[in-house]
Amino acid sequence: MEKRTDGLQVALKRSTLLGEGAVWDAVASLLYWIDILGHKVFIFNPVTGMNREIDVGQPVGAVVPRASGGLLLAMKDGFFALDTKLELLTPLFNPESHLGANRFNDGKCDPGGRFWAGTMTNDSGPGGALYRLDTDMSVTQVLTGITCSNGITWSPDKKNMYYIDSPTREVWSFDYDEASANISGHRTAVTIPKAEGVPDGMTIDEEGMIWVAHWGGGIVSRWNPHSGDRLDTVHVPVTHVTSCAFGGTNLDTLYITTASVELNESERAKHPLAGSLFQIETKTRGIPAFSFRA
């Protein structure tokens, strides 16, 4: 493992096209992540350094652990269950089967064990939406008019949901009810400076501070979502930083995914680690990721 002087380490050197979707499974002590355009689901073991890959045959936008075993995916053709032992995919539901130009892009499970994931269009228009897959396998459309659905996370007290539609350069905050999964009170919690790219994936720590990956900005930033103030910045030697997730035994290792897509030959030469998986030890801890409860 390569260690940098600023404490950032290369956990896995790999030229993924669009590395994304990091989520830590605290039960299995494994990191799940994906290559959206490479059609791959990865299972990374930080102890052995092994990175198992499963080809799922289409763009995959999000992966979450399932309490009953295996994984759930949000892909080009909707929600799927993945049996990791047999590498068998089972389609569940495609809420946008009538929108061939759309695909799922990012998502996570909420404190109630429901899988939230959003879509984006190929033409950069506001034709995407945010969906919720409930534990009875029903699907609800929660938000519409989304351009590029991205990071989503919930506060440690389970009273707020934070969400990103990337082109807005904002992190939105909603009041969240765990019992009903209803959200309300849409407001802007954080605005990302234009010179620092656009907000992509996101996670939260035990203090309720959010960590945001910057596409085109080469950083992960930490923010107070109540005041909108920036608290910290992690510099990554890659232009496109895509997602982050706390993992490790003490949940104090921040894993960071990156992408190599949209870089020309000169840019790739300047950023040879583009597409790799990074990690850095932090002074704060994350909270365990929620699993799908069905």
Protein backbone atom coordinates (compact mmCIF):
# COMPACT_ATOMS: atom_id res chain seq x y z
CA MET A 1 0.00 0.00 0.00
CA GLU A 2 1.38 3.38 -1.03
CA LYS A 3 1.39 5.96 1.76
CA ARG A 4 1.52 9.66 1.00
CA THR A 5 3.05 12.30 3.24
CA ASP A 6 -0.35 13.85 3.96
CA GLY A 7 -1.66 10.57 5.34
CA LEU A 8 -3.62 9.59 2.25
CA GLN A 9 -2.98 6.02 1.10
CA VAL A 10 -3.68 4.15 -2.09
CA ALA A 11 -5.79 1.25 -0.85
CA LEU A 12 -6.03 -0.25 -4.34
CA LYS A 13 -4.42 0.97 -7.55
CA ARG A 14 -6.89 0.40 -10.37
CA SER A 15 -7.98 2.40 -13.41
CA THR A 16 -11.73 2.18 -12.99
CA LEU A 17 -13.67 4.23 -15.52
CA LEU A 18 -16.18 5.47 -12.97
CA GLY A 19 -15.36 4.13 -9.51
CA GLU A 20 -18.26 4.95 -7.20
CA GLY A 21 -20.70 3.89 -4.51
CA ALA A 22 -18.44 3.03 -1.55
CA VAL A 23 -20.26 1.40 1.38
CA TRP A 24 -18.75 -0.46 4.35
CA ASP A 25 -20.28 -3.72 5.60
CA ALA A 26 -19.45 -3.68 9.33
CA VAL A 27 -20.67 -7.27 9.80
CA ALA A 28 -18.45 -8.77 7.09
CA SER A 29 -15.67 -6.15 7.39
CA LEU A 30 -15.74 -5.61 3.64
CA LEU A 31 -15.99 -2.57 1.40
CA TYR A 32 -18.44 -2.71 -1.49
CA TRP A 33 -17.90 -0.32 -4.39
CA ILE A 34 -18.55 -0.24 -8.12
CA ASP A 35 -17.34 0.79 -11.55
CA ILE A 36 -20.50 2.20 -13.10
CA LEU A 37 -19.32 2.21 -16.71
CA GLY A 38 -17.21 -0.92 -16.28
CA HIS A 39 -20.33 -2.82 -15.17
CA LYS A 40 -18.52 -4.14 -12.09
CA VAL A 41 -19.39 -4.67 -8.44
CA PHE A 42 -16.30 -4.88 -6.23
CA ILE A 43 -15.87 -6.55 -2.85
CA PHE A 44 -12.69 -5.25 -1.23
CA ASN A 45 -11.08 -6.94 1.77
CA PRO A 46 -8.68 -4.43 3.38
CA VAL A 47 -6.97 -7.13 5.45
CA THR A 48 -5.94 -9.29 2.50
CA GLY A 49 -5.93 -6.53 -0.11
CA MET A 50 -8.06 -8.72 -2.37
CA ASN A 51 -10.62 -6.98 -4.57
CA ARG A 52 -13.18 -9.45 -5.92
CA GLU A 53 -15.07 -8.27 -8.97
CA ILE A 54 -18.44 -9.35 -10.31
CA ASP A 55 -19.48 -8.36 -13.84
CA VAL A 56 -23.17 -7.43 -13.77
CA GLY A 57 -23.51 -6.77 -17.49
CA GLN A 58 -24.85 -3.22 -17.41
CA PRO A 59 -24.16 0.16 -15.77
CA VAL A 60 -24.54 -0.18 -12.00
CA GLY A 61 -25.15 2.97 -9.98
CA ALA A 62 -25.36 1.82 -6.36
CA VAL A 63 -24.74 -1.20 -4.14
CA VAL A 64 -25.97 -1.87 -0.59
CA PRO A 65 -25.70 -4.86 1.75
CA ARG A 66 -28.78 -6.97 2.41
CA ALA A 67 -29.48 -8.16 5.96
CA SER A 68 -30.68 -11.56 4.74
CA GLY A 69 -27.53 -12.03 2.64
CA GLY A 70 -26.15 -10.84 -0.65
CA LEU A 71 -26.48 -7.35 -2.07
CA LEU A 72 -29.02 -5.07 -3.67
CA LEU A 73 -28.13 -3.03 -6.74
CA ALA A 74 -29.61 -0.04 -8.55
CA MET A 75 -28.65 -0.45 -12.21
CA LYS A 76 -29.49 0.74 -15.71
CA ASP A 77 -32.54 -1.54 -15.76
CA GLY A 78 -33.80 -0.93 -12.23
CA PHE A 79 -33.41 -2.62 -8.86
CA PHE A 80 -31.78 -6.06 -8.63
CA ALA A 81 -30.79 -8.55 -5.96
CA LEU A 82 -27.32 -10.08 -6.27
CA ASP A 83 -26.44 -13.48 -4.83
CA THR A 84 -22.70 -12.99 -4.27
CA LYS A 85 -22.02 -16.71 -3.83
CA LEU A 86 -23.59 -17.76 -7.12
CA GLU A 87 -23.06 -14.35 -8.80
CA LEU A 88 -26.73 -14.52 -9.78
CA LEU A 89 -28.83 -11.43 -10.50
CA THR A 90 -32.57 -11.31 -9.81
CA PRO A 91 -34.54 -8.36 -11.21
CA LEU A 92 -36.90 -6.72 -8.71
CA PHE A 93 -38.50 -3.67 -10.35
CA ASN A 94 -37.67 -1.03 -12.94
CA PRO A 95 -39.54 2.21 -12.25
CA GLU A 96 -38.19 3.83 -15.41
CA SER A 97 -38.59 1.05 -17.95
CA HIS A 98 -40.26 3.64 -20.19
CA LEU A 99 -37.21 5.94 -20.05
CA GLY A 100 -34.50 4.19 -22.01
CA ALA A 101 -32.02 7.07 -21.76
CA ASN A 102 -32.02 7.08 -17.94
CA ARG A 103 -30.01 5.03 -15.46
CA PHE A 104 -29.64 4.76 -11.71
CA ASN A 105 -26.64 6.61 -10.32
CA ASP A 106 -26.30 6.56 -6.52
CA GLY A 107 -28.10 5.37 -3.41
CA LYS A 108 -28.05 4.04 0.14
CA CYS A 109 -30.27 2.42 2.74
CA ASP A 110 -32.02 4.55 5.32
CA PRO A 111 -32.29 3.83 9.08
CA GLY A 112 -35.50 1.87 8.40
CA GLY A 113 -33.71 -0.50 6.03
CA ARG A 114 -35.22 0.91 2.83
CA PHE A 115 -33.12 1.40 -0.32
CA TRP A 116 -33.13 4.94 -1.73
CA ALA A 117 -31.61 5.47 -5.18
CA GLY A 118 -31.92 8.11 -7.86
CA THR A 119 -31.65 8.35 -11.61
CA MET A 120 -30.05 10.64 -14.15
CA THR A 121 -30.51 11.31 -17.85
CA ASN A 122 -27.92 10.92 -20.57
CA ASP A 123 -28.64 14.41 -21.93
CA SER A 124 -27.96 16.30 -18.68
CA GLY A 125 -31.60 17.37 -18.43
CA PRO A 126 -33.89 17.36 -15.36
CA GLY A 127 -35.51 14.06 -16.26
CA GLY A 128 -34.31 11.99 -13.32
CA ALA A 129 -35.97 11.14 -10.01
CA LEU A 130 -35.32 9.81 -6.52
CA TYR A 131 -36.93 6.47 -5.62
CA ARG A 132 -37.39 4.41 -2.47
CA LEU A 133 -37.50 0.61 -2.52
CA ASP A 134 -39.39 -0.43 0.61
CA THR A 135 -38.91 -3.69 2.47
CA ASP A 136 -42.15 -5.06 0.95
CA MET A 137 -40.49 -4.54 -2.46
CA SER A 138 -42.82 -1.69 -3.41
CA VAL A 139 -41.23 1.34 -5.09
CA THR A 140 -42.15 4.96 -4.41
CA GLN A 141 -41.09 7.99 -6.43
CA VAL A 142 -40.02 10.58 -3.85
CA LEU A 143 -38.56 13.49 -5.86
CA THR A 144 -38.84 14.47 -9.52
CA GLY A 145 -37.07 16.95 -11.79
CA ILE A 146 -33.64 15.63 -10.78
CA THR A 147 -30.73 16.09 -13.20
CA CYS A 148 -27.98 13.94 -11.64
CA SER A 149 -29.05 12.13 -8.49
CA ASN A 150 -26.06 11.65 -6.22
CA GLY A 151 -24.99 11.53 -2.57
CA ILE A 152 -27.53 10.67 0.13
CA THR A 153 -27.15 10.12 3.87
CA TRP A 154 -29.02 10.40 7.18
CA SER A 155 -28.09 12.20 10.40
CA PRO A 156 -27.01 10.15 13.44
CA ASP A 157 -30.22 11.11 15.28
CA LYS A 158 -32.23 9.90 12.26
CA LYS A 159 -34.13 13.17 12.00
CA ASN A 160 -32.58 14.58 8.82
CA MET A 161 -31.84 13.32 5.32
CA TYR A 162 -29.19 14.99 3.17
CA TYR A 163 -29.28 14.69 -0.62
CA ILE A 164 -27.36 15.95 -3.66
CA ASP A 165 -28.52 16.75 -7.19
CA SER A 166 -25.03 17.49 -8.52
CA PRO A 167 -25.58 20.39 -10.98
CA THR A 168 -27.20 22.48 -8.22
CA ARG A 169 -23.84 22.50 -6.37
CA GLU A 170 -25.90 22.16 -3.20
CA VAL A 171 -26.45 19.65 -0.42
CA TRP A 172 -30.13 19.65 0.46
CA SER A 173 -31.51 18.91 3.91
CA PHE A 174 -34.92 17.39 4.65
CA ASP A 175 -36.77 16.53 7.83
CA TYR A 176 -36.98 12.73 7.89
CA ASP A 177 -39.41 10.44 9.71
CA GLU A 178 -37.96 6.95 10.24
CA ALA A 179 -41.32 5.24 10.79
CA SER A 180 -42.99 6.48 7.61
CA ALA A 181 -39.89 7.38 5.53
CA ASN A 182 -41.58 10.70 4.70
CA ILE A 183 -39.37 13.70 4.02
CA SER A 184 -40.34 17.37 4.22
CA GLY A 185 -38.95 20.88 4.71
CA HIS A 186 -36.58 21.03 1.72
CA ARG A 187 -33.77 23.53 2.36
CA THR A 188 -30.13 24.13 1.31
CA ALA A 189 -27.58 23.03 3.92
CA VAL A 190 -24.31 23.54 2.00
CA THR A 191 -23.31 25.26 -1.23
CA ILE A 192 -20.16 24.05 -3.00
CA PRO A 193 -17.94 26.81 -4.50
CA LYS A 194 -18.00 26.76 -8.30
CA ALA A 195 -14.20 26.54 -8.51
CA GLU A 196 -14.20 23.24 -6.58
CA GLY A 197 -16.17 21.08 -8.98
CA VAL A 198 -19.60 19.64 -8.24
CA PRO A 199 -20.74 17.56 -5.25
CA ASP A 200 -20.88 13.84 -5.93
CA GLY A 201 -21.10 11.05 -3.32
CA MET A 202 -21.46 11.80 0.38
CA THR A 203 -21.24 10.26 3.86
CA ILE A 204 -21.69 11.43 7.45
CA ASP A 205 -19.74 11.05 10.69
CA GLU A 206 -20.89 10.42 14.26
CA GLU A 207 -20.80 14.16 14.98
CA GLY A 208 -23.38 14.75 12.24
CA MET A 209 -20.92 16.44 9.88
CA ILE A 210 -21.15 15.55 6.19
CA TRP A 211 -18.23 14.57 3.93
CA VAL A 212 -18.66 15.35 0.23
CA ALA A 213 -16.66 14.06 -2.75
CA HIS A 214 -15.98 16.72 -5.42
CA TRP A 215 -16.25 15.67 -9.06
CA GLY A 216 -13.77 17.83 -10.94
CA GLY A 217 -12.41 19.28 -7.72
CA GLY A 218 -9.89 16.71 -6.51
CA ILE A 219 -11.01 16.85 -2.89
CA VAL A 220 -13.32 15.50 -0.20
CA SER A 221 -14.69 18.28 2.01
CA ARG A 222 -16.20 18.12 5.51
CA TRP A 223 -19.08 20.47 6.34
CA ASN A 224 -21.37 21.43 9.19
CA PRO A 225 -24.82 21.01 7.59
CA HIS A 226 -26.45 23.18 10.26
CA SER A 227 -24.29 26.27 9.70
CA GLY A 228 -23.03 25.60 6.16
CA ASP A 229 -19.43 26.05 7.30
CA ARG A 230 -16.52 24.04 5.88
CA LEU A 231 -14.55 22.20 8.55
CA ASP A 232 -11.87 20.24 6.71
CA THR A 233 -10.53 19.28 3.29
CA VAL A 234 -8.85 16.07 2.10
CA HIS A 235 -6.82 16.53 -1.09
CA VAL A 236 -6.82 13.59 -3.51
CA PRO A 237 -4.32 13.37 -6.43
CA VAL A 238 -7.14 12.78 -8.90
CA THR A 239 -9.48 15.24 -10.61
CA HIS A 240 -12.70 13.24 -10.35
CA VAL A 241 -13.41 12.23 -6.74
CA THR A 242 -16.70 10.36 -6.64
CA SER A 243 -17.69 8.91 -3.25
CA CYS A 244 -16.53 8.31 0.29
CA ALA A 245 -17.46 5.98 3.15
CA PHE A 246 -16.21 5.32 6.66
CA GLY A 247 -14.96 1.81 7.33
CA GLY A 248 -12.49 -0.27 9.26
CA THR A 249 -12.76 -1.78 12.72
CA ASN A 250 -13.28 1.59 14.39
CA LEU A 251 -15.05 3.29 11.47
CA ASP A 252 -12.26 5.87 11.36
CA THR A 253 -10.90 5.00 7.91
CA LEU A 254 -12.37 7.10 5.13
CA TYR A 255 -12.42 5.19 1.83
CA ILE A 256 -12.51 7.37 -1.29
CA THR A 257 -13.40 6.29 -4.84
CA THR A 258 -12.28 8.07 -8.00
CA ALA A 259 -12.75 7.97 -11.77
CA SER A 260 -10.60 8.08 -14.89
CA VAL A 261 -13.41 8.74 -17.37
CA GLU A 262 -13.42 12.04 -19.30
CA LEU A 263 -9.66 12.49 -18.91
CA ASN A 264 -7.60 13.02 -22.05
CA GLU A 265 -4.18 11.45 -22.58
CA SER A 266 -2.35 14.40 -21.05
CA GLU A 267 -4.61 14.48 -17.99
CA ARG A 268 -4.21 10.74 -17.46
CA ALA A 269 -0.43 11.19 -17.51
CA LYS A 270 -0.73 13.88 -14.83
CA HIS A 271 -3.07 11.74 -12.73
CA PRO A 272 -1.84 8.13 -13.02
CA LEU A 273 -3.88 7.08 -9.98
CA ALA A 274 -7.20 8.14 -11.50
CA GLY A 275 -9.77 5.41 -10.92
CA SER A 276 -8.02 4.06 -7.82
CA LEU A 277 -9.40 3.49 -4.33
CA PHE A 278 -7.88 5.65 -1.58
CA GLN A 279 -8.07 5.68 2.20
CA ILE A 280 -7.15 8.04 5.02
CA GLU A 281 -7.34 7.77 8.80
CA THR A 282 -9.56 10.47 10.31
CA LYS A 283 -9.92 12.04 13.73
CA THR A 284 -13.63 11.33 13.73
CA ARG A 285 -15.63 8.14 13.28
CA GLY A 286 -18.40 7.34 10.90
CA ILE A 287 -21.66 5.56 11.70
CA PRO A 288 -22.43 2.00 10.51
CA ALA A 289 -24.09 1.79 7.10
CA PHE A 290 -27.66 0.56 7.08
CA SER A 291 -28.58 -2.69 5.30
CA PHE A 292 -31.70 -3.52 3.31
CA ARG A 293 -34.07 -5.30 5.69
CA ALA A 294 -35.74 -7.89 3.49
